[in-house]
PDB file of all heavy atoms in Angstrom:
ATOM      1  N   VAL A   1       9.166  -7.656   3.274  1.00  0.00           N
ATOM      2  CA  VAL A   1       8.441  -8.442   2.269  1.00  0.00           C
ATOM      3  C   VAL A   1       7.920  -7.549   1.216  1.00  0.00           C
ATOM      4  O   VAL A   1       8.117  -7.789   0.015  1.00  0.00           O
ATOM      5  CB  VAL A   1       7.297  -9.268   2.933  1.00  0.00           C
ATOM      6  CG1 VAL A   1       6.418  -9.880   1.880  1.00  0.00           C
ATOM      7  CG2 VAL A   1       7.854 -10.315   3.859  1.00  0.00           C
ATOM      8  N   VAL A   2       7.238  -6.476   1.584  1.00  0.00           N
ATOM      9  CA  VAL A   2       6.594  -5.558   0.653  1.00  0.00           C
ATOM     10  C   VAL A   2       7.556  -4.901  -0.323  1.00  0.00           C
ATOM     11  O   VAL A   2       7.219  -4.585  -1.454  1.00  0.00           O
ATOM     12  CB  VAL A   2       5.761  -4.515   1.432  1.00  0.00           C
ATOM     13  CG1 VAL A   2       5.278  -3.393   0.577  1.00  0.00           C
ATOM     14  CG2 VAL A   2       4.600  -5.202   2.165  1.00  0.00           C
ATOM     15  N   GLU A   3       8.809  -4.691   0.123  1.00  0.00           N
ATOM     16  CA  GLU A   3       9.806  -4.072  -0.744  1.00  0.00           C
ATOM     17  C   GLU A   3      10.007  -4.798  -2.066  1.00  0.00           C
ATOM     18  O   GLU A   3      10.336  -4.179  -3.057  1.00  0.00           O
ATOM     19  CB  GLU A   3      11.146  -3.898   0.005  1.00  0.00           C
ATOM     20  CG  GLU A   3      11.116  -2.741   0.970  1.00  0.00           C
ATOM     21  CD  GLU A   3      12.433  -2.529   1.685  1.00  0.00           C
ATOM     22  OE1 GLU A   3      12.946  -3.518   2.254  1.00  0.00           O
ATOM     23  OE2 GLU A   3      12.912  -1.390   1.662  1.00  0.00           O
ATOM     24  N   LYS A   4       9.790  -6.109  -2.052  1.00  0.00           N
ATOM     25  CA  LYS A   4       9.905  -6.885  -3.303  1.00  0.00           C
ATOM     26  C   LYS A   4       8.815  -6.442  -4.303  1.00  0.00           C
ATOM     27  O   LYS A   4       9.033  -6.409  -5.514  1.00  0.00           O
ATOM     28  CB  LYS A   4       9.858  -8.369  -3.018  1.00  0.00           C
ATOM     29  CG  LYS A   4      11.033  -8.848  -2.238  1.00  0.00           C
ATOM     30  CD  LYS A   4      10.956 -10.322  -1.885  1.00  0.00           C
ATOM     31  CE  LYS A   4      12.114 -10.765  -1.047  1.00  0.00           C
ATOM     32  NZ  LYS A   4      11.775 -10.857   0.389  1.00  0.00           N
ATOM     33  N   ALA A   5       7.644  -6.155  -3.816  1.00  0.00           N
ATOM     34  CA  ALA A   5       6.589  -5.644  -4.691  1.00  0.00           C
ATOM     35  C   ALA A   5       6.927  -4.228  -5.186  1.00  0.00           C
ATOM     36  O   ALA A   5       6.747  -3.952  -6.361  1.00  0.00           O
ATOM     37  CB  ALA A   5       5.239  -5.613  -3.929  1.00  0.00           C
ATOM     38  N   ILE A   6       7.433  -3.410  -4.306  1.00  0.00           N
ATOM     39  CA  ILE A   6       7.771  -2.046  -4.699  1.00  0.00           C
ATOM     40  C   ILE A   6       8.873  -2.053  -5.733  1.00  0.00           C
ATOM     41  O   ILE A   6       8.791  -1.375  -6.756  1.00  0.00           O
ATOM     42  CB  ILE A   6       8.229  -1.255  -3.461  1.00  0.00           C
ATOM     43  CG1 ILE A   6       7.074  -1.078  -2.460  1.00  0.00           C
ATOM     44  CG2 ILE A   6       8.804   0.105  -3.862  1.00  0.00           C
ATOM     45  CD1 ILE A   6       7.483  -0.602  -1.087  1.00  0.00           C
ATOM     46  N   ASP A   7       9.899  -2.907  -5.573  1.00  0.00           N
ATOM     47  CA  ASP A   7      10.965  -3.025  -6.529  1.00  0.00           C
ATOM     48  C   ASP A   7      10.462  -3.490  -7.890  1.00  0.00           C
ATOM     49  O   ASP A   7      10.901  -2.982  -8.931  1.00  0.00           O
ATOM     50  CB  ASP A   7      12.066  -3.995  -6.026  1.00  0.00           C
ATOM     51  CG  ASP A   7      12.829  -3.475  -4.838  1.00  0.00           C
ATOM     52  OD1 ASP A   7      12.749  -2.258  -4.546  1.00  0.00           O
ATOM     53  OD2 ASP A   7      13.462  -4.286  -4.166  1.00  0.00           O
ATOM     54  N   THR A   8       9.524  -4.418  -7.912  1.00  0.00           N
ATOM     55  CA  THR A   8       8.955  -4.922  -9.157  1.00  0.00           C
ATOM     56  C   THR A   8       8.131  -3.844  -9.858  1.00  0.00           C
ATOM     57  O   THR A   8       8.248  -3.673 -11.077  1.00  0.00           O
ATOM     58  CB  THR A   8       8.109  -6.175  -8.898  1.00  0.00           C
ATOM     59  OG1 THR A   8       8.919  -7.149  -8.250  1.00  0.00           O
ATOM     60  CG2 THR A   8       7.554  -6.747 -10.181  1.00  0.00           C
ATOM     61  N   LEU A   9       7.354  -3.090  -9.109  1.00  0.00           N
ATOM     62  CA  LEU A   9       6.581  -1.997  -9.703  1.00  0.00           C
ATOM     63  C   LEU A   9       7.523  -0.947 -10.290  1.00  0.00           C
ATOM     64  O   LEU A   9       7.280  -0.425 -11.407  1.00  0.00           O
ATOM     65  CB  LEU A   9       5.672  -1.354  -8.677  1.00  0.00           C
ATOM     66  CG  LEU A   9       4.517  -2.272  -8.178  1.00  0.00           C
ATOM     67  CD1 LEU A   9       3.839  -1.670  -6.940  1.00  0.00           C
ATOM     68  CD2 LEU A   9       3.522  -2.567  -9.271  1.00  0.00           C
ATOM     69  N   LYS A  10       8.608  -0.632  -9.573  1.00  0.00           N
ATOM     70  CA  LYS A  10       9.585   0.317 -10.115  1.00  0.00           C
ATOM     71  C   LYS A  10      10.230  -0.183 -11.413  1.00  0.00           C
ATOM     72  O   LYS A  10      10.375   0.557 -12.346  1.00  0.00           O
ATOM     73  CB  LYS A  10      10.709   0.522  -9.094  1.00  0.00           C
ATOM     74  CG  LYS A  10      10.415   1.394  -7.927  1.00  0.00           C
ATOM     75  CD  LYS A  10      11.632   1.489  -7.032  1.00  0.00           C
ATOM     76  CE  LYS A  10      11.364   2.201  -5.710  1.00  0.00           C
ATOM     77  NZ  LYS A  10      12.493   2.174  -4.812  1.00  0.00           N
ATOM     78  N   GLU A  11      10.549  -1.465 -11.409  1.00  0.00           N
ATOM     79  CA  GLU A  11      11.192  -2.089 -12.608  1.00  0.00           C
ATOM     80  C   GLU A  11      10.299  -1.905 -13.853  1.00  0.00           C
ATOM     81  O   GLU A  11      10.848  -1.705 -14.952  1.00  0.00           O
ATOM     82  CB  GLU A  11      11.440  -3.561 -12.309  1.00  0.00           C
ATOM     83  CG  GLU A  11      12.027  -4.345 -13.460  1.00  0.00           C
ATOM     84  CD  GLU A  11      12.127  -5.848 -13.115  1.00  0.00           C
ATOM     85  OE1 GLU A  11      12.190  -6.202 -11.935  1.00  0.00           O
ATOM     86  OE2 GLU A  11      12.146  -6.629 -14.073  1.00  0.00           O
ATOM     87  N   TYR A  12       9.007  -1.985 -13.683  1.00  0.00           N
ATOM     88  CA  TYR A  12       8.105  -1.848 -14.817  1.00  0.00           C
ATOM     89  C   TYR A  12       7.602  -0.431 -15.021  1.00  0.00           C
ATOM     90  O   TYR A  12       6.818  -0.176 -15.941  1.00  0.00           O
ATOM     91  CB  TYR A  12       6.919  -2.797 -14.637  1.00  0.00           C
ATOM     92  CG  TYR A  12       7.218  -4.210 -14.965  1.00  0.00           C
ATOM     93  CD1 TYR A  12       7.816  -5.052 -14.022  1.00  0.00           C
ATOM     94  CD2 TYR A  12       6.995  -4.714 -16.247  1.00  0.00           C
ATOM     95  CE1 TYR A  12       8.125  -6.385 -14.339  1.00  0.00           C
ATOM     96  CE2 TYR A  12       7.317  -6.040 -16.572  1.00  0.00           C
ATOM     97  CZ  TYR A  12       7.874  -6.840 -15.611  1.00  0.00           C
ATOM     98  OH  TYR A  12       8.182  -8.156 -15.947  1.00  0.00           O
ATOM     99  N   GLY A  13       8.032   0.513 -14.180  1.00  0.00           N
ATOM    100  CA  GLY A  13       7.650   1.886 -14.322  1.00  0.00           C
ATOM    101  C   GLY A  13       6.178   2.154 -13.997  1.00  0.00           C
ATOM    102  O   GLY A  13       5.570   3.073 -14.490  1.00  0.00           O
ATOM    103  N   VAL A  14       5.658   1.360 -13.072  1.00  0.00           N
ATOM    104  CA  VAL A  14       4.250   1.506 -12.661  1.00  0.00           C
ATOM    105  C   VAL A  14       4.197   2.433 -11.456  1.00  0.00           C
ATOM    106  O   VAL A  14       4.883   2.180 -10.430  1.00  0.00           O
ATOM    107  CB  VAL A  14       3.638   0.113 -12.331  1.00  0.00           C
ATOM    108  CG1 VAL A  14       2.224   0.271 -11.756  1.00  0.00           C
ATOM    109  CG2 VAL A  14       3.626  -0.758 -13.593  1.00  0.00           C
ATOM    110  N   PRO A  15       3.338   3.464 -11.505  1.00  0.00           N
ATOM    111  CA  PRO A  15       3.242   4.354 -10.353  1.00  0.00           C
ATOM    112  C   PRO A  15       2.534   3.673  -9.183  1.00  0.00           C
ATOM    113  O   PRO A  15       1.668   2.809  -9.381  1.00  0.00           O
ATOM    114  CB  PRO A  15       2.394   5.534 -10.894  1.00  0.00           C
ATOM    115  CG  PRO A  15       1.656   4.985 -12.055  1.00  0.00           C
ATOM    116  CD  PRO A  15       2.505   3.870 -12.622  1.00  0.00           C
ATOM    117  N   TYR A  16       2.959   4.029  -7.995  1.00  0.00           N
ATOM    118  CA  TYR A  16       2.422   3.363  -6.786  1.00  0.00           C
ATOM    119  C   TYR A  16       2.487   4.312  -5.612  1.00  0.00           C
ATOM    120  O   TYR A  16       3.213   5.340  -5.619  1.00  0.00           O
ATOM    121  CB  TYR A  16       3.207   2.095  -6.462  1.00  0.00           C
ATOM    122  CG  TYR A  16       4.669   2.368  -6.179  1.00  0.00           C
ATOM    123  CD1 TYR A  16       5.072   2.684  -4.918  1.00  0.00           C
ATOM    124  CD2 TYR A  16       5.604   2.340  -7.228  1.00  0.00           C
ATOM    125  CE1 TYR A  16       6.421   2.945  -4.643  1.00  0.00           C
ATOM    126  CE2 TYR A  16       6.937   2.619  -6.995  1.00  0.00           C
ATOM    127  CZ  TYR A  16       7.344   2.925  -5.717  1.00  0.00           C
ATOM    128  OH  TYR A  16       8.664   3.211  -5.432  1.00  0.00           O
ATOM    129  N   GLU A  17       1.714   3.984  -4.601  1.00  0.00           N
ATOM    130  CA  GLU A  17       1.810   4.656  -3.286  1.00  0.00           C
ATOM    131  C   GLU A  17       1.894   3.520  -2.263  1.00  0.00           C
ATOM    132  O   GLU A  17       1.251   2.465  -2.403  1.00  0.00           O
ATOM    133  CB  GLU A  17       0.567   5.472  -2.999  1.00  0.00           C
ATOM    134  CG  GLU A  17       0.544   6.808  -3.715  1.00  0.00           C
ATOM    135  CD  GLU A  17      -0.641   7.649  -3.266  1.00  0.00           C
ATOM    136  OE1 GLU A  17      -1.190   7.447  -2.159  1.00  0.00           O
ATOM    137  OE2 GLU A  17      -1.011   8.525  -4.080  1.00  0.00           O
ATOM    138  N   VAL A  18       2.642   3.768  -1.202  1.00  0.00           N
ATOM    139  CA  VAL A  18       2.784   2.795  -0.120  1.00  0.00           C
ATOM    140  C   VAL A  18       2.279   3.398   1.185  1.00  0.00           C
ATOM    141  O   VAL A  18       2.580   4.567   1.472  1.00  0.00           O
ATOM    142  CB  VAL A  18       4.283   2.413   0.077  1.00  0.00           C
ATOM    143  CG1 VAL A  18       4.448   1.361   1.129  1.00  0.00           C
ATOM    144  CG2 VAL A  18       4.866   1.929  -1.274  1.00  0.00           C
ATOM    145  N   HIS A  19       1.470   2.600   1.874  1.00  0.00           N
ATOM    146  CA  HIS A  19       0.875   3.087   3.143  1.00  0.00           C
ATOM    147  C   HIS A  19       0.864   1.985   4.203  1.00  0.00           C
ATOM    148  O   HIS A  19       0.932   0.802   3.856  1.00  0.00           O
ATOM    149  CB  HIS A  19      -0.549   3.551   2.908  1.00  0.00           C
ATOM    150  CG  HIS A  19      -0.639   4.742   2.014  1.00  0.00           C
ATOM    151  ND1 HIS A  19      -0.434   6.038   2.443  1.00  0.00           N
ATOM    152  CD2 HIS A  19      -0.918   4.804   0.682  1.00  0.00           C
ATOM    153  CE1 HIS A  19      -0.579   6.859   1.424  1.00  0.00           C
ATOM    154  NE2 HIS A  19      -0.864   6.159   0.342  1.00  0.00           N
ATOM    155  N   VAL A  20       0.774   2.368   5.448  1.00  0.00           N
ATOM    156  CA  VAL A  20       0.582   1.431   6.547  1.00  0.00           C
ATOM    157  C   VAL A  20      -0.788   1.735   7.170  1.00  0.00           C
ATOM    158  O   VAL A  20      -1.023   2.828   7.678  1.00  0.00           O
ATOM    159  CB  VAL A  20       1.695   1.583   7.632  1.00  0.00           C
ATOM    160  CG1 VAL A  20       1.405   0.627   8.821  1.00  0.00           C
ATOM    161  CG2 VAL A  20       3.070   1.340   7.067  1.00  0.00           C
ATOM    162  N   TYR A  21      -1.712   0.769   6.997  1.00  0.00           N
ATOM    163  CA  TYR A  21      -3.028   0.849   7.605  1.00  0.00           C
ATOM    164  C   TYR A  21      -3.333  -0.525   8.199  1.00  0.00           C
ATOM    165  O   TYR A  21      -3.086  -1.535   7.560  1.00  0.00           O
ATOM    166  CB  TYR A  21      -4.132   1.194   6.600  1.00  0.00           C
ATOM    167  CG  TYR A  21      -4.018   2.577   5.984  1.00  0.00           C
ATOM    168  CD1 TYR A  21      -3.929   2.712   4.614  1.00  0.00           C
ATOM    169  CD2 TYR A  21      -3.995   3.710   6.778  1.00  0.00           C
ATOM    170  CE1 TYR A  21      -3.855   3.968   4.016  1.00  0.00           C
ATOM    171  CE2 TYR A  21      -3.888   4.969   6.203  1.00  0.00           C
ATOM    172  CZ  TYR A  21      -3.814   5.113   4.822  1.00  0.00           C
ATOM    173  OH  TYR A  21      -3.716   6.325   4.270  1.00  0.00           O
ATOM    174  N   SER A  22      -3.871  -0.555   9.373  1.00  0.00           N
ATOM    175  CA  SER A  22      -4.224  -1.800  10.023  1.00  0.00           C
ATOM    176  C   SER A  22      -5.706  -2.010   9.987  1.00  0.00           C
ATOM    177  O   SER A  22      -6.490  -1.098  10.270  1.00  0.00           O
ATOM    178  CB  SER A  22      -3.736  -1.763  11.460  1.00  0.00           C
ATOM    179  OG  SER A  22      -4.295  -2.843  12.216  1.00  0.00           O
ATOM    180  N   ALA A  23      -6.124  -3.241   9.628  1.00  0.00           N
ATOM    181  CA  ALA A  23      -7.553  -3.582   9.639  1.00  0.00           C
ATOM    182  C   ALA A  23      -8.137  -3.465  11.012  1.00  0.00           C
ATOM    183  O   ALA A  23      -9.295  -3.175  11.198  1.00  0.00           O
ATOM    184  CB  ALA A  23      -7.760  -4.989   9.098  1.00  0.00           C
ATOM    185  N   HIS A  24      -7.283  -3.641  12.048  1.00  0.00           N
ATOM    186  CA  HIS A  24      -7.728  -3.666  13.426  1.00  0.00           C
ATOM    187  C   HIS A  24      -7.429  -2.385  14.196  1.00  0.00           C
ATOM    188  O   HIS A  24      -8.230  -1.943  15.008  1.00  0.00           O
ATOM    189  CB  HIS A  24      -7.118  -4.850  14.170  1.00  0.00           C
ATOM    190  CG  HIS A  24      -7.361  -6.146  13.470  1.00  0.00           C
ATOM    191  ND1 HIS A  24      -6.379  -6.826  12.826  1.00  0.00           N
ATOM    192  CD2 HIS A  24      -8.493  -6.867  13.309  1.00  0.00           C
ATOM    193  CE1 HIS A  24      -6.910  -7.916  12.282  1.00  0.00           C
ATOM    194  NE2 HIS A  24      -8.183  -7.963  12.551  1.00  0.00           N
ATOM    195  N   ARG A  25      -6.297  -1.760  13.948  1.00  0.00           N
ATOM    196  CA  ARG A  25      -5.896  -0.590  14.735  1.00  0.00           C
ATOM    197  C   ARG A  25      -6.254   0.733  14.037  1.00  0.00           C
ATOM    198  O   ARG A  25      -6.373   1.754  14.734  1.00  0.00           O
ATOM    199  CB  ARG A  25      -4.410  -0.678  15.032  1.00  0.00           C
ATOM    200  CG  ARG A  25      -4.071  -1.829  15.965  1.00  0.00           C
ATOM    201  CD  ARG A  25      -2.595  -1.924  16.299  1.00  0.00           C
ATOM    202  NE  ARG A  25      -1.785  -2.119  15.150  1.00  0.00           N
ATOM    203  CZ  ARG A  25      -1.463  -3.310  14.589  1.00  0.00           C
ATOM    204  NH1 ARG A  25      -1.907  -4.417  15.144  1.00  0.00           N
ATOM    205  NH2 ARG A  25      -0.680  -3.418  13.540  1.00  0.00           N
ATOM    206  N   THR A  26      -6.377   0.727  12.721  1.00  0.00           N
ATOM    207  CA  THR A  26      -6.817   1.963  11.988  1.00  0.00           C
ATOM    208  C   THR A  26      -7.862   1.607  10.970  1.00  0.00           C
ATOM    209  O   THR A  26      -7.734   1.901   9.769  1.00  0.00           O
ATOM    210  CB  THR A  26      -5.603   2.627  11.279  1.00  0.00           C
ATOM    211  OG1 THR A  26      -4.999   1.703  10.349  1.00  0.00           O
ATOM    212  CG2 THR A  26      -4.545   3.103  12.277  1.00  0.00           C
ATOM    213  N   PRO A  27      -8.983   1.004  11.385  1.00  0.00           N
ATOM    214  CA  PRO A  27     -10.007   0.591  10.434  1.00  0.00           C
ATOM    215  C   PRO A  27     -10.674   1.749   9.682  1.00  0.00           C
ATOM    216  O   PRO A  27     -11.027   1.603   8.539  1.00  0.00           O
ATOM    217  CB  PRO A  27     -10.993  -0.188  11.282  1.00  0.00           C
ATOM    218  CG  PRO A  27     -10.814   0.366  12.682  1.00  0.00           C
ATOM    219  CD  PRO A  27      -9.356   0.694  12.787  1.00  0.00           C
ATOM    220  N   VAL A  28     -10.811   2.872  10.353  1.00  0.00           N
ATOM    221  CA  VAL A  28     -11.450   4.027   9.698  1.00  0.00           C
ATOM    222  C   VAL A  28     -10.556   4.516   8.565  1.00  0.00           C
ATOM    223  O   VAL A  28     -11.044   4.792   7.437  1.00  0.00           O
ATOM    224  CB  VAL A  28     -11.704   5.160  10.743  1.00  0.00           C
ATOM    225  CG1 VAL A  28     -12.182   6.424  10.058  1.00  0.00           C
ATOM    226  CG2 VAL A  28     -12.702   4.680  11.746  1.00  0.00           C
ATOM    227  N   GLU A  29      -9.283   4.635   8.828  1.00  0.00           N
ATOM    228  CA  GLU A  29      -8.359   5.095   7.778  1.00  0.00           C
ATOM    229  C   GLU A  29      -8.234   4.122   6.636  1.00  0.00           C
ATOM    230  O   GLU A  29      -8.183   4.521   5.430  1.00  0.00           O
ATOM    231  CB  GLU A  29      -6.953   5.371   8.384  1.00  0.00           C
ATOM    232  CG  GLU A  29      -6.919   6.585   9.322  1.00  0.00           C
ATOM    233  CD  GLU A  29      -7.420   6.280  10.739  1.00  0.00           C
ATOM    234  OE1 GLU A  29      -7.804   5.137  11.048  1.00  0.00           O
ATOM    235  OE2 GLU A  29      -7.394   7.237  11.580  1.00  0.00           O
ATOM    236  N   ALA A  30      -8.206   2.834   6.955  1.00  0.00           N
ATOM    237  CA  ALA A  30      -8.152   1.794   5.922  1.00  0.00           C
ATOM    238  C   ALA A  30      -9.398   1.863   5.036  1.00  0.00           C
ATOM    239  O   ALA A  30      -9.308   1.772   3.810  1.00  0.00           O
ATOM    240  CB  ALA A  30      -7.981   0.416   6.538  1.00  0.00           C
ATOM    241  N   LYS A  31     -10.539   2.037   5.669  1.00  0.00           N
ATOM    242  CA  LYS A  31     -11.803   2.082   4.932  1.00  0.00           C
ATOM    243  C   LYS A  31     -11.815   3.366   4.046  1.00  0.00           C
ATOM    244  O   LYS A  31     -12.199   3.292   2.870  1.00  0.00           O
ATOM    245  CB  LYS A  31     -12.989   2.118   5.882  1.00  0.00           C
ATOM    246  CG  LYS A  31     -14.330   2.230   5.153  1.00  0.00           C
ATOM    247  CD  LYS A  31     -15.491   2.297   6.099  1.00  0.00           C
ATOM    248  CE  LYS A  31     -16.749   2.410   5.272  1.00  0.00           C
ATOM    249  NZ  LYS A  31     -17.935   2.576   6.077  1.00  0.00           N
ATOM    250  N   GLU A  32     -11.418   4.498   4.605  1.00  0.00           N
ATOM    251  CA  GLU A  32     -11.433   5.746   3.853  1.00  0.00           C
ATOM    252  C   GLU A  32     -10.514   5.649   2.637  1.00  0.00           C
ATOM    253  O   GLU A  32     -10.879   6.045   1.552  1.00  0.00           O
ATOM    254  CB  GLU A  32     -11.009   6.903   4.770  1.00  0.00           C
ATOM    255  CG  GLU A  32     -11.034   8.246   4.082  1.00  0.00           C
ATOM    256  CD  GLU A  32     -10.646   9.361   4.980  1.00  0.00           C
ATOM    257  OE1 GLU A  32     -11.206   9.473   6.076  1.00  0.00           O
ATOM    258  OE2 GLU A  32      -9.752  10.181   4.573  1.00  0.00           O
ATOM    259  N   PHE A  33      -9.313   5.092   2.837  1.00  0.00           N
ATOM    260  CA  PHE A  33      -8.397   5.000   1.710  1.00  0.00           C
ATOM    261  C   PHE A  33      -8.953   4.107   0.623  1.00  0.00           C
ATOM    262  O   PHE A  33      -8.947   4.434  -0.544  1.00  0.00           O
ATOM    263  CB  PHE A  33      -7.020   4.468   2.198  1.00  0.00           C
ATOM    264  CG  PHE A  33      -6.025   4.424   1.104  1.00  0.00           C
ATOM    265  CD1 PHE A  33      -5.276   5.543   0.775  1.00  0.00           C
ATOM    266  CD2 PHE A  33      -5.814   3.267   0.365  1.00  0.00           C
ATOM    267  CE1 PHE A  33      -4.329   5.509  -0.267  1.00  0.00           C
ATOM    268  CE2 PHE A  33      -4.865   3.232  -0.678  1.00  0.00           C
ATOM    269  CZ  PHE A  33      -4.159   4.362  -0.996  1.00  0.00           C
ATOM    270  N   SER A  34      -9.442   2.906   1.000  1.00  0.00           N
ATOM    271  CA  SER A  34      -9.937   1.982   0.009  1.00  0.00           C
ATOM    272  C   SER A  34     -11.207   2.471  -0.650  1.00  0.00           C
ATOM    273  O   SER A  34     -11.405   2.259  -1.851  1.00  0.00           O
ATOM    274  CB  SER A  34     -10.081   0.574   0.582  1.00  0.00           C
ATOM    275  OG  SER A  34     -10.914   0.576   1.713  1.00  0.00           O
ATOM    276  N   SER A  35     -12.060   3.143   0.084  1.00  0.00           N
ATOM    277  CA  SER A  35     -13.321   3.642  -0.469  1.00  0.00           C
ATOM    278  C   SER A  35     -13.075   4.735  -1.509  1.00  0.00           C
ATOM    279  O   SER A  35     -13.852   4.873  -2.455  1.00  0.00           O
ATOM    280  CB  SER A  35     -14.169   4.248   0.644  1.00  0.00           C
ATOM    281  OG  SER A  35     -14.604   3.265   1.539  1.00  0.00           O
TER     282      SER A  35
END
């Protein structure tokens, strides 16, 4: 599903980063990244 977003960002030349963080299994990492 997410690849459609990545493809669209690429099409417009918008820089991006892609990550896997779980609200339940990696809450500390998700919080650190978003903070």
